[in-house]
C-alpha atoms as a PDB file:
ATOM      1  CA  MET A   1     200.205 -39.121  21.616  1.00  0.00           C
ATOM      2  CA  THR A   2     199.309 -35.032  22.727  1.00  0.00           C
ATOM      3  CA  ARG A   3     199.764 -33.428  25.970  1.00  0.00           C
ATOM      4  CA  SER A   4     199.490 -30.095  27.798  1.00  0.00           C
ATOM      5  CA  LEU A   5     202.448 -27.830  27.610  1.00  0.00           C
ATOM      6  CA  THR A   6     204.407 -27.650  30.830  1.00  0.00           C
ATOM      7  CA  ASP A   7     204.797 -24.460  32.694  1.00  0.00           C
ATOM      8  CA  ALA A   8     208.431 -24.287  31.283  1.00  0.00           C
ATOM      9  CA  GLU A   9     207.089 -24.673  27.774  1.00  0.00           C
ATOM     10  CA  ARG A  10     204.322 -22.262  28.576  1.00  0.00           C
ATOM     11  CA  THR A  11     206.983 -19.850  29.828  1.00  0.00           C
ATOM     12  CA  LEU A  12     209.426 -19.805  27.007  1.00  0.00           C
ATOM     13  CA  ILE A  13     206.808 -19.868  24.696  1.00  0.00           C
ATOM     14  CA  SER A  14     205.387 -16.588  25.894  1.00  0.00           C
ATOM     15  CA  ALA A  15     209.185 -15.127  25.867  1.00  0.00           C
ATOM     16  CA  MET A  16     209.482 -15.943  22.459  1.00  0.00           C
ATOM     17  CA  ILE A  17     206.377 -14.569  21.871  1.00  0.00           C
ATOM     18  CA  THR A  18     206.736 -11.309  23.202  1.00  0.00           C
ATOM     19  CA  SER A  19     210.685 -10.654  23.138  1.00  0.00           C
ATOM     20  CA  ALA A  20     212.061 -12.912  20.387  1.00  0.00           C
ATOM     21  CA  LYS A  21     212.800 -11.060  16.935  1.00  0.00           C
ATOM     22  CA  ALA A  22     211.720 -11.990  13.587  1.00  0.00           C
ATOM     23  CA  THR A  23     213.905 -13.512  11.071  1.00  0.00           C
ATOM     24  CA  ASP A  24     212.256 -11.023   8.120  1.00  0.00           C
ATOM     25  CA  PRO A  25     211.312  -8.056  10.519  1.00  0.00           C
ATOM     26  CA  ASP A  26     209.834  -6.651   6.855  1.00  0.00           C
ATOM     27  CA  ARG A  27     207.006  -8.890   6.869  1.00  0.00           C
ATOM     28  CA  LEU A  28     204.581  -7.115   9.078  1.00  0.00           C
ATOM     29  CA  LYS A  29     204.586  -3.003   8.964  1.00  0.00           C
ATOM     30  CA  GLY A  30     204.868  -0.972  11.530  1.00  0.00           C
ATOM     31  CA  SER A  31     205.379  -1.149  15.245  1.00  0.00           C
ATOM     32  CA  VAL A  32     201.397  -1.582  16.182  1.00  0.00           C
ATOM     33  CA  ALA A  33     201.124  -4.159  13.949  1.00  0.00           C
ATOM     34  CA  TRP A  34     203.875  -6.470  15.147  1.00  0.00           C
ATOM     35  CA  ARG A  35     202.119  -5.433  18.629  1.00  0.00           C
ATOM     36  CA  ASN A  36     198.673  -6.422  17.649  1.00  0.00           C
ATOM     37  CA  TRP A  37     200.229  -9.965  16.253  1.00  0.00           C
ATOM     38  CA  ARG A  38     202.170 -10.517  19.104  1.00  0.00           C
ATOM     39  CA  HIS A  39     198.780  -9.798  21.560  1.00  0.00           C
ATOM     40  CA  ASP A  40     197.238 -12.199  18.968  1.00  0.00           C
ATOM     41  CA  LEU A  41     199.473 -15.204  19.666  1.00  0.00           C
ATOM     42  CA  HIS A  42     199.331 -14.691  23.523  1.00  0.00           C
ATOM     43  CA  GLU A  43     195.716 -14.736  23.347  1.00  0.00           C
ATOM     44  CA  MET A  44     196.108 -18.602  22.337  1.00  0.00           C
ATOM     45  CA  ILE A  45     198.669 -19.546  24.462  1.00  0.00           C
ATOM     46  CA  ASN A  46     196.169 -21.945  26.920  1.00  0.00           C
ATOM     47  CA  ARG A  47     194.930 -23.381  22.936  1.00  0.00           C
ATOM     48  CA  LEU A  48     198.583 -24.966  22.883  1.00  0.00           C
ATOM     49  CA  SER A  49     199.379 -28.457  23.129  1.00  0.00           C
ATOM     50  CA  VAL A  50     202.574 -31.032  22.525  1.00  0.00           C
ATOM     51  CA  GLY A  51     202.042 -32.989  19.729  1.00  0.00           C
ATOM     52  CA  LYS A  52     205.104 -34.474  17.760  1.00  0.00           C
ATOM     53  CA  LEU A  53     208.447 -34.335  19.559  1.00  0.00           C
ATOM     54  CA  CYS A  54     211.297 -34.162  17.284  1.00  0.00           C
ATOM     55  CA  ASP A  55     213.258 -37.404  16.896  1.00  0.00           C
ATOM     56  CA  CYS A  56     216.997 -36.468  16.758  1.00  0.00           C
ATOM     57  CA  GLY A  57     217.578 -37.144  20.442  1.00  0.00           C
ATOM     58  CA  LYS A  58     219.914 -34.105  20.815  1.00  0.00           C
ATOM     59  CA  CYS A  59     217.333 -31.272  21.271  1.00  0.00           C
ATOM     60  CA  PRO A  60     213.623 -30.949  22.849  1.00  0.00           C
ATOM     61  CA  SER A  61     211.912 -29.514  19.926  1.00  0.00           C
ATOM     62  CA  PHE A  62     207.997 -30.143  19.557  1.00  0.00           C
ATOM     63  CA  GLN A  63     204.768 -29.409  17.385  1.00  0.00           C
ATOM     64  CA  LEU A  64     202.722 -27.078  18.271  1.00  0.00           C
ATOM     65  CA  LEU A  65     198.630 -28.171  18.166  1.00  0.00           C
ATOM     66  CA  VAL A  66     196.429 -25.179  18.610  1.00  0.00           C
ATOM     67  CA  ASP A  67     192.750 -26.483  20.117  1.00  0.00           C
ATOM     68  CA  GLY A  68     194.500 -30.239  19.529  1.00  0.00           C
ATOM     69  CA  HIS A  69     194.716 -29.682  15.612  1.00  0.00           C
ATOM     70  CA  GLU A  70     198.025 -29.925  13.309  1.00  0.00           C
ATOM     71  CA  VAL A  71     198.723 -26.145  12.296  1.00  0.00           C
ATOM     72  CA  PRO A  72     198.881 -26.448   8.132  1.00  0.00           C
ATOM     73  CA  SER A  73     201.744 -25.198   7.032  1.00  0.00           C
ATOM     74  CA  SER A  74     202.098 -21.562   5.186  1.00  0.00           C
ATOM     75  CA  PRO A  75     204.435 -20.595   2.306  1.00  0.00           C
ATOM     76  CA  GLU A  76     206.229 -18.302   4.286  1.00  0.00           C
ATOM     77  CA  PRO A  77     205.919 -18.983   7.755  1.00  0.00           C
ATOM     78  CA  ILE A  78     206.924 -16.020  10.503  1.00  0.00           C
ATOM     79  CA  ILE A  79     210.088 -17.210  12.696  1.00  0.00           C
ATOM     80  CA  LEU A  80     210.556 -15.650  15.871  1.00  0.00           C
ATOM     81  CA  GLU A  81     214.147 -16.215  17.058  1.00  0.00           C
ATOM     82  CA  ALA A  82     216.134 -16.051  19.932  1.00  0.00           C
ATOM     83  CA  PHE A  83     220.111 -17.197  21.103  1.00  0.00           C
ATOM     84  CA  ILE A  84     221.135 -19.593  24.040  1.00  0.00           C
ATOM     85  CA  SER A  85     224.675 -20.718  24.418  1.00  0.00           C
ATOM     86  CA  GLU A  86     224.426 -23.376  23.302  1.00  0.00           C
ATOM     87  CA  GLY A  87     222.150 -22.879  20.345  1.00  0.00           C
ATOM     88  CA  ILE A  88     219.079 -21.210  18.776  1.00  0.00           C
ATOM     89  CA  VAL A  89     215.395 -21.208  19.406  1.00  0.00           C
ATOM     90  CA  MET A  90     212.968 -20.825  17.311  1.00  0.00           C
ATOM     91  CA  LEU A  91     208.969 -20.348  17.326  1.00  0.00           C
ATOM     92  CA  PHE A  92     207.128 -20.492  13.789  1.00  0.00           C
ATOM     93  CA  ILE A  93     204.077 -19.128  12.963  1.00  0.00           C
ATOM     94  CA  ASP A  94     202.345 -20.528  10.247  1.00  0.00           C
ATOM     95  CA  ASN A  95     198.669 -18.792   9.319  1.00  0.00           C
ATOM     96  CA  GLY A  96     198.830 -16.535  12.176  1.00  0.00           C
ATOM     97  CA  LYS A  97     199.695 -19.468  14.688  1.00  0.00           C
ATOM     98  CA  PRO A  98     202.455 -20.917  16.793  1.00  0.00           C
ATOM     99  CA  SER A  99     203.209 -24.493  14.962  1.00  0.00           C
ATOM    100  CA  TYR A 100     206.600 -25.431  15.753  1.00  0.00           C
ATOM    101  CA  LEU A 101     209.016 -25.114  18.837  1.00  0.00           C
ATOM    102  CA  GLU A 102     213.089 -25.359  17.646  1.00  0.00           C
ATOM    103  CA  ILE A 103     215.450 -25.797  20.084  1.00  0.00           C
ATOM    104  CA  ALA A 104     218.623 -26.548  17.718  1.00  0.00           C
ATOM    105  CA  PRO A 105     222.255 -27.076  19.329  1.00  0.00           C
ATOM    106  CA  ASN A 106     225.171 -25.413  18.032  1.00  0.00           C
ATOM    107  CA  LEU A 107     227.298 -28.356  17.464  1.00  0.00           C
ATOM    108  CA  ASP A 108     226.794 -32.213  17.712  1.00  0.00           C
ATOM    109  CA  ILE A 109     225.433 -31.961  21.749  1.00  0.00           C
ATOM    110  CA  LYS A 110     222.516 -32.527  23.456  1.00  0.00           C
ATOM    111  CA  VAL A 111     220.438 -29.609  24.943  1.00  0.00           C
ATOM    112  CA  ASP A 112     217.485 -29.393  27.300  1.00  0.00           C
ATOM    113  CA  LEU A 113     214.356 -27.117  27.342  1.00  0.00           C
ATOM    114  CA  PRO A 114     215.907 -23.785  28.286  1.00  0.00           C
ATOM    115  CA  PRO A 115     214.660 -21.765  30.790  1.00  0.00           C
ATOM    116  CA  GLU A 116     213.335 -18.135  29.903  1.00  0.00           C
ATOM    117  CA  SER A 117     216.394 -16.807  31.295  1.00  0.00           C
ATOM    118  CA  ALA A 118     219.003 -18.251  29.094  1.00  0.00           C
ATOM    119  CA  LEU A 119     216.927 -16.850  25.976  1.00  0.00           C
ATOM    120  CA  ILE A 120     219.198 -13.771  24.281  1.00  0.00           C
ATOM    121  CA  PHE A 121     217.401 -11.917  22.456  1.00  0.00           C
END
């Protein structure tokens, strides 16, 4: 079952797009290319909804849908990452579209969706 993003989820995704570092910063060449790429991602935020939820029971991670459709996986996604005191937050971008928001705890603990202010870039 799909649902709309909450305000907290939308804010977190926006912050990730704006400030998170790419795990492979050489994927796009130059600051103009990165700025344009991030701008294009921001333009998609209102088209995002929540798809499948992670079923691990420890995290609030979820699949992102664009216009209600799954984003096809790409062989080399771009991953934006930030840290929180309890773990790491990763936004997966496949084929130029956000596809998954992962909130992974450091240890075998349960974590909630972090507020934007908890992100460490």
